[in-house]
Protein backbone atom coordinates (compact mmCIF):
# COMPACT_ATOMS: atom_id res chain seq x y z
CA MET A 1 -176.57 -120.06 33.32
CA LYS A 2 -177.73 -117.70 36.04
CA LEU A 3 -174.17 -116.49 36.57
CA LYS A 4 -173.77 -115.84 32.86
CA MET A 5 -177.03 -113.91 32.79
CA ASN A 6 -175.99 -111.85 35.80
CA PHE A 7 -172.64 -111.10 34.22
CA ARG A 8 -174.30 -110.01 30.98
CA GLY A 9 -176.72 -107.80 32.90
CA ILE A 10 -173.93 -106.17 34.86
CA PHE A 11 -171.91 -105.59 31.67
CA LEU A 12 -174.92 -104.08 29.92
CA ALA A 13 -175.60 -101.78 32.88
CA LYS A 14 -172.00 -100.57 32.87
CA CYS A 15 -172.21 -99.85 29.16
CA LEU A 16 -175.39 -97.85 29.69
CA VAL A 17 -173.79 -95.85 32.50
CA LEU A 18 -170.69 -95.19 30.41
CA PHE A 19 -172.81 -94.15 27.46
CA SER A 20 -174.80 -91.79 29.62
CA CYS A 21 -171.63 -90.25 31.03
CA VAL A 22 -170.06 -89.64 27.65
CA LYS A 23 -172.18 -86.72 26.49
CA GLY A 24 -171.90 -84.59 23.42
CA SER A 25 -170.79 -86.27 20.25
CA ALA A 26 -169.55 -84.71 17.01
CA ASN A 27 -173.12 -84.49 15.77
CA GLU A 28 -174.01 -82.14 18.66
CA ALA A 29 -171.50 -79.37 17.89
CA ARG A 30 -172.48 -76.07 19.49
CA ASN A 31 -171.90 -72.70 17.82
CA GLU A 32 -169.95 -70.01 19.66
CA TYR A 33 -169.33 -66.43 18.54
CA GLY A 34 -166.63 -63.89 19.37
CA MET A 35 -165.93 -60.28 18.37
CA ARG A 36 -162.72 -59.53 16.55
CA GLY A 37 -160.21 -57.97 18.93
CA GLY A 38 -162.19 -59.13 21.98
CA SER A 39 -162.33 -62.27 24.12
CA VAL A 40 -164.50 -65.39 24.22
CA PHE A 41 -165.17 -68.03 26.90
CA LEU A 42 -165.67 -71.64 25.79
CA ASN A 43 -167.53 -73.52 28.53
CA ILE A 44 -168.31 -77.19 29.14
CA HIS A 45 -172.09 -77.08 29.31
CA ASN A 46 -174.03 -79.43 31.58
CA PHE A 47 -170.91 -80.84 33.19
CA LYS A 48 -169.06 -80.12 36.43
CA VAL A 49 -165.34 -80.82 36.48
CA GLU A 50 -163.93 -82.38 39.64
CA GLN A 51 -160.41 -82.04 41.00
CA GLN A 52 -159.19 -85.50 40.01
CA GLN A 53 -160.36 -85.09 36.43
CA GLU A 54 -158.21 -83.98 33.49
CA VAL A 55 -159.44 -81.54 30.85
CA ILE A 56 -157.93 -81.27 27.35
CA TRP A 57 -158.78 -78.60 24.78
CA LEU A 58 -158.02 -79.09 21.07
CA LYS A 59 -158.45 -76.99 17.94
CA ASN A 60 -158.62 -78.82 14.63
CA SER A 61 -157.06 -81.89 16.36
CA PHE A 62 -154.12 -79.84 17.77
CA ARG A 63 -153.77 -79.57 21.52
CA LEU A 64 -154.10 -76.18 23.15
CA THR A 65 -154.17 -76.92 26.90
CA LYS A 66 -154.22 -79.81 29.33
CA GLY A 67 -154.99 -79.31 33.00
CA ASN A 68 -156.02 -80.92 36.25
CA SER A 69 -155.88 -80.12 39.94
CA SER A 70 -152.05 -80.03 39.90
CA GLY A 71 -151.74 -77.41 37.14
CA VAL A 72 -152.26 -76.45 33.52
CA LYS A 73 -149.97 -77.11 30.57
CA TYR A 74 -150.16 -74.81 27.54
CA TYR A 75 -149.17 -76.02 24.09
CA LYS A 76 -149.78 -72.65 22.44
CA ASP A 77 -149.27 -69.00 23.39
CA LYS A 78 -150.03 -68.63 27.11
CA ASN A 79 -150.89 -64.94 26.68
CA LYS A 80 -153.67 -65.88 24.28
CA TYR A 81 -155.16 -68.93 26.01
CA GLU A 82 -156.14 -69.40 29.64
CA MET A 83 -157.89 -72.39 31.21
CA PHE A 84 -159.75 -72.10 34.53
CA PRO A 85 -160.19 -74.84 37.19
CA ASN A 86 -163.76 -75.54 36.00
CA GLY A 87 -162.45 -76.37 32.52
CA THR A 88 -163.49 -73.11 30.81
CA LEU A 89 -161.12 -71.95 28.06
CA LYS A 90 -160.62 -68.20 27.51
CA ILE A 91 -159.24 -66.91 24.20
CA ASP A 92 -158.00 -63.29 24.03
CA HIS A 93 -157.21 -60.95 21.11
CA LEU A 94 -159.51 -62.75 18.71
CA VAL A 95 -158.70 -62.75 15.00
CA GLU A 96 -160.39 -64.42 12.06
CA GLU A 97 -157.85 -67.26 12.20
CA ASP A 98 -159.22 -68.25 15.61
CA SER A 99 -162.42 -69.40 13.95
CA GLY A 100 -162.71 -73.17 13.64
CA ASN A 101 -163.64 -76.44 15.36
CA TYR A 102 -162.78 -76.87 19.04
CA LYS A 103 -163.05 -80.06 21.10
CA VAL A 104 -162.93 -80.58 24.85
CA THR A 105 -162.46 -83.95 26.52
CA VAL A 106 -162.62 -84.82 30.21
CA TYR A 107 -161.02 -87.94 31.74
CA ASP A 108 -161.31 -89.29 35.25
CA GLY A 109 -158.41 -90.32 37.48
CA MET A 110 -158.32 -93.80 35.89
CA GLY A 111 -158.04 -92.37 32.37
CA ASN A 112 -161.62 -93.13 31.38
CA LEU A 113 -163.40 -90.67 29.09
CA GLN A 114 -166.12 -88.80 30.96
CA VAL A 115 -167.27 -86.21 28.42
CA GLU A 116 -166.43 -85.07 24.90
CA LYS A 117 -167.92 -81.98 23.25
CA ASN A 118 -167.37 -80.15 19.99
CA LEU A 119 -167.72 -76.41 19.49
CA ILE A 120 -167.60 -74.26 16.36
CA LEU A 121 -166.18 -70.78 16.97
CA SER A 122 -166.95 -67.94 14.55
CA VAL A 123 -165.06 -64.66 14.95
CA GLN A 124 -166.96 -61.66 13.56
CA GLU A 125 -166.30 -57.93 13.40
CA MET A 126 -168.58 -55.27 14.84
CA VAL A 127 -171.19 -54.02 12.39
CA SER A 128 -171.13 -50.46 11.08
CA LYS A 129 -173.86 -47.92 11.72
CA PRO A 130 -176.28 -47.69 8.77
CA GLU A 131 -177.20 -44.43 7.02
CA ILE A 132 -180.65 -43.44 5.76
CA LYS A 133 -181.01 -41.24 2.68
CA TRP A 134 -184.22 -40.06 1.06
CA THR A 135 -185.65 -37.89 -1.68
CA CYS A 136 -189.11 -36.41 -2.18
CA SER A 137 -190.35 -36.53 -5.76
CA GLN A 138 -193.95 -35.84 -6.79
CA LYS A 139 -195.25 -36.47 -3.26
CA LEU A 140 -193.38 -39.81 -3.13
CA ILE A 141 -190.70 -40.84 -0.62
CA ASN A 142 -187.71 -42.71 -2.02
CA VAL A 143 -185.73 -44.21 0.88
CA THR A 144 -182.28 -45.80 0.73
CA CYS A 145 -180.46 -47.46 3.64
CA GLU A 146 -176.71 -48.02 3.22
CA VAL A 147 -174.02 -49.79 5.24
CA LYS A 148 -170.45 -50.91 4.58
CA GLN A 149 -169.96 -54.44 5.88
CA LYS A 150 -167.92 -57.47 4.83
CA ASN A 151 -168.85 -60.36 7.10
CA LYS A 152 -172.22 -62.06 7.25
CA PHE A 153 -174.92 -59.89 8.79
CA ALA A 154 -178.66 -59.29 8.85
CA PHE A 155 -179.95 -56.15 7.12
CA ARG A 156 -183.55 -54.93 7.17
CA LEU A 157 -185.67 -51.79 6.82
CA LEU A 158 -188.85 -50.99 8.76
CA GLN A 159 -191.56 -48.41 8.09
CA ASN A 160 -193.64 -47.37 11.10
CA ASN A 161 -192.42 -50.53 12.94
CA ARG A 162 -193.51 -52.71 10.02
CA LEU A 163 -190.91 -54.86 8.24
CA LEU A 164 -190.58 -54.11 4.54
CA SER A 165 -190.09 -57.04 2.21
CA VAL A 166 -187.14 -55.54 0.36
CA GLY A 167 -183.82 -57.36 0.08
CA PRO A 168 -180.34 -55.78 0.20
CA ILE A 169 -178.19 -55.20 -2.86
CA ASP A 170 -174.37 -55.25 -2.88
CA ALA A 171 -172.81 -52.31 -4.73
CA ASN A 172 -168.98 -52.41 -4.56
CA GLY A 173 -168.82 -53.33 -0.87
CA THR A 174 -171.75 -51.10 0.11
CA TRP A 175 -175.01 -52.84 0.89
CA LYS A 176 -178.20 -50.96 0.05
CA ILE A 177 -181.91 -51.34 0.61
CA GLU A 178 -183.96 -49.15 -1.72
CA TYR A 179 -187.65 -48.64 -1.07
CA ARG A 180 -190.08 -46.84 -3.36
CA PRO A 181 -193.65 -46.96 -2.07
CA LYS A 182 -196.38 -47.35 -4.64
CA THR A 183 -198.81 -45.11 -2.77
CA LYS A 184 -198.32 -41.41 -2.08
CA ILE A 185 -196.82 -40.87 1.36
CA LEU A 186 -196.04 -37.47 2.86
CA THR A 187 -194.82 -38.49 6.31
CA ALA A 188 -193.36 -41.76 7.60
CA LYS A 189 -190.87 -43.05 10.16
CA PHE A 190 -188.20 -45.46 8.95
CA LEU A 191 -185.77 -47.64 10.91
CA CYS A 192 -182.73 -49.35 9.40
CA GLU A 193 -181.19 -52.23 11.36
CA VAL A 194 -177.88 -54.03 10.90
CA LYS A 195 -176.80 -56.88 13.17
CA ASN A 196 -174.76 -60.04 13.39
CA ASP A 197 -174.11 -62.57 16.15
CA VAL A 198 -171.92 -60.20 18.21
CA SER A 199 -173.27 -56.66 17.62
CA GLN A 200 -176.27 -54.64 16.47
CA LYS A 201 -176.75 -51.03 15.31
CA THR A 202 -179.81 -49.09 14.15
CA THR A 203 -180.67 -45.72 12.63
CA ASP A 204 -184.14 -44.17 12.64
CA GLN A 205 -185.40 -41.17 10.70
CA GLU A 206 -188.75 -39.42 10.41
CA ILE A 207 -189.20 -38.21 6.84
CA LYS A 208 -191.63 -35.49 5.78
CA CYS A 209 -192.32 -34.55 2.18
CA SER A 210 -193.98 -31.17 1.58
CA GLY A 211 -197.51 -31.12 0.19
CA PRO A 212 -199.13 -28.36 -1.92
CA LEU A 213 -200.22 -26.35 1.13
CA ASP A 214 -196.76 -26.56 2.60
CA ILE A 215 -195.24 -25.27 -0.63
CA VAL A 216 -197.61 -22.25 -0.69
CA LEU A 217 -196.89 -21.53 2.97
CA ILE A 218 -193.15 -21.79 2.49
CA GLY A 219 -193.35 -19.56 -0.59
CA SER A 220 -195.35 -16.88 1.22
CA ILE A 221 -192.98 -16.91 4.17
CA ALA A 222 -189.99 -16.65 1.87
CA GLY A 223 -191.60 -13.76 -0.06
CA GLY A 224 -192.40 -11.89 3.14
CA ALA A 225 -188.85 -12.35 4.33
CA VAL A 226 -187.49 -10.95 1.06
CA VAL A 227 -189.79 -7.88 1.26
CA PHE A 228 -188.77 -7.26 4.87
CA VAL A 229 -185.08 -7.44 3.98
CA ILE A 230 -185.56 -4.97 1.10
CA PHE A 231 -187.50 -2.56 3.34
CA LEU A 232 -184.82 -2.76 6.02
CA ALA A 233 -182.09 -2.10 3.46
CA LEU A 234 -183.94 0.98 2.13
CA LEU A 235 -184.45 2.29 5.66
CA ILE A 236 -180.77 1.97 6.46
CA TYR A 237 -179.87 3.65 3.16
CA CYS A 238 -182.17 6.64 3.85
CA ILE A 239 -180.79 7.10 7.37
CA LYS A 240 -177.22 7.06 6.11
CA LYS A 241 -178.08 9.50 3.33
CA LYS A 242 -179.65 12.01 5.76
CA ARG A 243 -176.65 11.79 8.04
CA ALA A 244 -174.33 12.44 5.10
CA GLU A 245 -176.35 15.52 4.05
CA ARG A 246 -176.28 16.93 7.59
CA TYR A 247 -172.57 16.39 7.76
CA GLU A 248 -172.04 18.22 4.45
CA GLU A 249 -174.18 21.18 5.65
CA GLU A 250 -172.16 21.43 8.86
CA GLN A 251 -168.94 21.36 6.86
CA ASP A 252 -170.21 24.17 4.58
CA GLU A 253 -171.17 26.34 7.57
CA GLU A 254 -167.74 25.84 9.14
CA THR A 255 -165.96 26.82 5.93
CA GLN A 256 -168.10 29.99 5.58
CA MET A 257 -167.33 30.98 9.17
CA LYS A 258 -163.63 30.52 8.54
CA ILE A 259 -163.81 32.67 5.39
CA ARG A 260 -165.59 35.50 7.27
CA GLN A 261 -163.08 35.40 10.10
CA SER A 262 -160.16 35.58 7.67
CA SER A 263 -161.71 38.61 5.85
CA ASP A 264 -162.36 40.54 9.12
CA GLU A 265 -158.84 40.10 10.53
CA PRO A 266 -157.24 43.20 8.72
CA LYS A 267 -159.95 45.52 10.06
CA TYR A 268 -159.29 44.47 13.57
CA ARG A 269 -155.54 44.93 13.14
CA GLU A 270 -155.87 48.69 12.05
CA LEU A 271 -157.89 49.78 15.09
CA PRO A 272 -156.06 49.80 18.45
CA LYS A 273 -157.51 47.50 20.90
CA PRO A 274 -158.99 49.23 23.94
CA PRO A 275 -157.31 48.39 27.21
CA VAL A 276 -159.11 45.74 29.00
CA HIS A 277 -157.58 46.61 32.38
CA GLY A 278 -156.29 49.93 33.84
CA PRO A 279 -152.61 50.93 33.69
CA PRO A 280 -150.51 48.86 35.94
CA LYS A 281 -149.57 50.55 39.13
CA GLN A 282 -145.88 51.23 39.53
CA PRO A 283 -144.51 49.97 42.75
CA ARG A 284 -143.28 52.62 45.14
CA GLN A 285 -139.58 52.70 45.63
CA GLN A 286 -138.68 53.06 49.22
CA GLN A 287 -136.18 55.87 49.71
CA ARG A 288 -133.16 54.79 51.53
CA LEU A 289 -132.09 56.99 54.41
CA PRO A 290 -128.47 58.13 54.27
CA PRO A 291 -126.28 56.47 56.81
CA GLN A 292 -125.76 58.58 59.87
CA SER A 293 -122.11 59.16 60.63
CA GLN A 294 -120.93 59.02 64.17
CA THR A 295 -119.31 62.49 64.03
CA GLN A 296 -121.45 65.27 62.75
CA TYR A 297 -119.70 67.92 60.74
CA GLN A 298 -120.73 71.52 60.95
CA ALA A 299 -122.18 72.92 57.82
CA GLY A 300 -119.89 75.41 56.07
CA PRO A 301 -118.15 76.14 52.86
CA PRO A 302 -116.05 73.40 51.36
CA ARG A 303 -112.36 73.48 52.12
CA PRO A 304 -109.80 73.58 49.30
CA ARG A 305 -108.05 70.32 48.40
CA PRO A 306 -104.29 70.18 48.78
CA ARG A 307 -102.48 70.42 45.48
CA THR A 308 -100.27 67.54 44.52
CA GLN A 309 -96.72 68.45 43.62
CA GLN A 310 -95.60 67.25 40.20
CA LYS A 311 -92.29 65.54 39.90
CA SER A 312 -89.63 66.98 37.66
CA PRO A 313 -88.41 65.09 34.60
CA SER A 314 -84.91 64.78 36.05
CA HIS A 315 -86.20 62.72 38.90
CA MET A 316 -88.00 60.50 36.46
CA LYS A 317 -84.84 59.83 34.50
CA GLU A 318 -82.90 58.96 37.58
CA ARG A 319 -85.55 56.58 38.58
CA LEU A 320 -85.40 54.89 35.22
């Protein structure tokens, strides 16, 4: 009897140890989130993988990887999946089809199950930046926050860091939050926030609606500006007009001077012009001395020239 009791106690202790080792059942599925186009790391929480243990990753009951100390075997695209020695699974180039249920199991060297965990992966796209629009009507601020988003997201509007209890409305793919305060507000700061599990974006805007004093002030400033512009235009016009009149007077004087000069030209042509300078001096011509001959002749009466003898016509005929 004692042996049977000891055997039952040992068996019960082993079952308790095995139950404590096998952690994470299907009821304890953990949510994981990834951004579309990015990467995600699926870890085995609260468990340290040893070298002799084998890790298997599955998606919707289909194997993705199996690895141990000797190496890793990939059942799907190796460029998309990568398993590290500690059992972490990395998924690259995330798309919406990667969303789903993932399971990881760890076995020891004897093939006994050590741990089993389920994960739910949700791939989401980055949220868009919201836009705040407003109008001022009868001292009231009408605020509208808009964003274009498809996937699940959180959308809220705050006034002076106070959350407004206004829900979003879908209008053909554009989500809107419209806020019309019941009390008269001239100035307020609004913040519109859009976020999901992978990203968050906000837009803030300080809105001021003009009161009666502001309208009077703006009107007076605008009227003064208009008067100043008119005065400046008149001043420029007067200056240009005076310049044009001066130019015309100068042109008239020049034309009169030209007419007078043209009428006086015949008078000046009839009268000889007095010499401005004296008569030009004629240059002296140097008298050349006659050349001195070597033999000097005595002065006397000229001698008669010898008379040339004319030839007779008979001699001319013979010569011909």
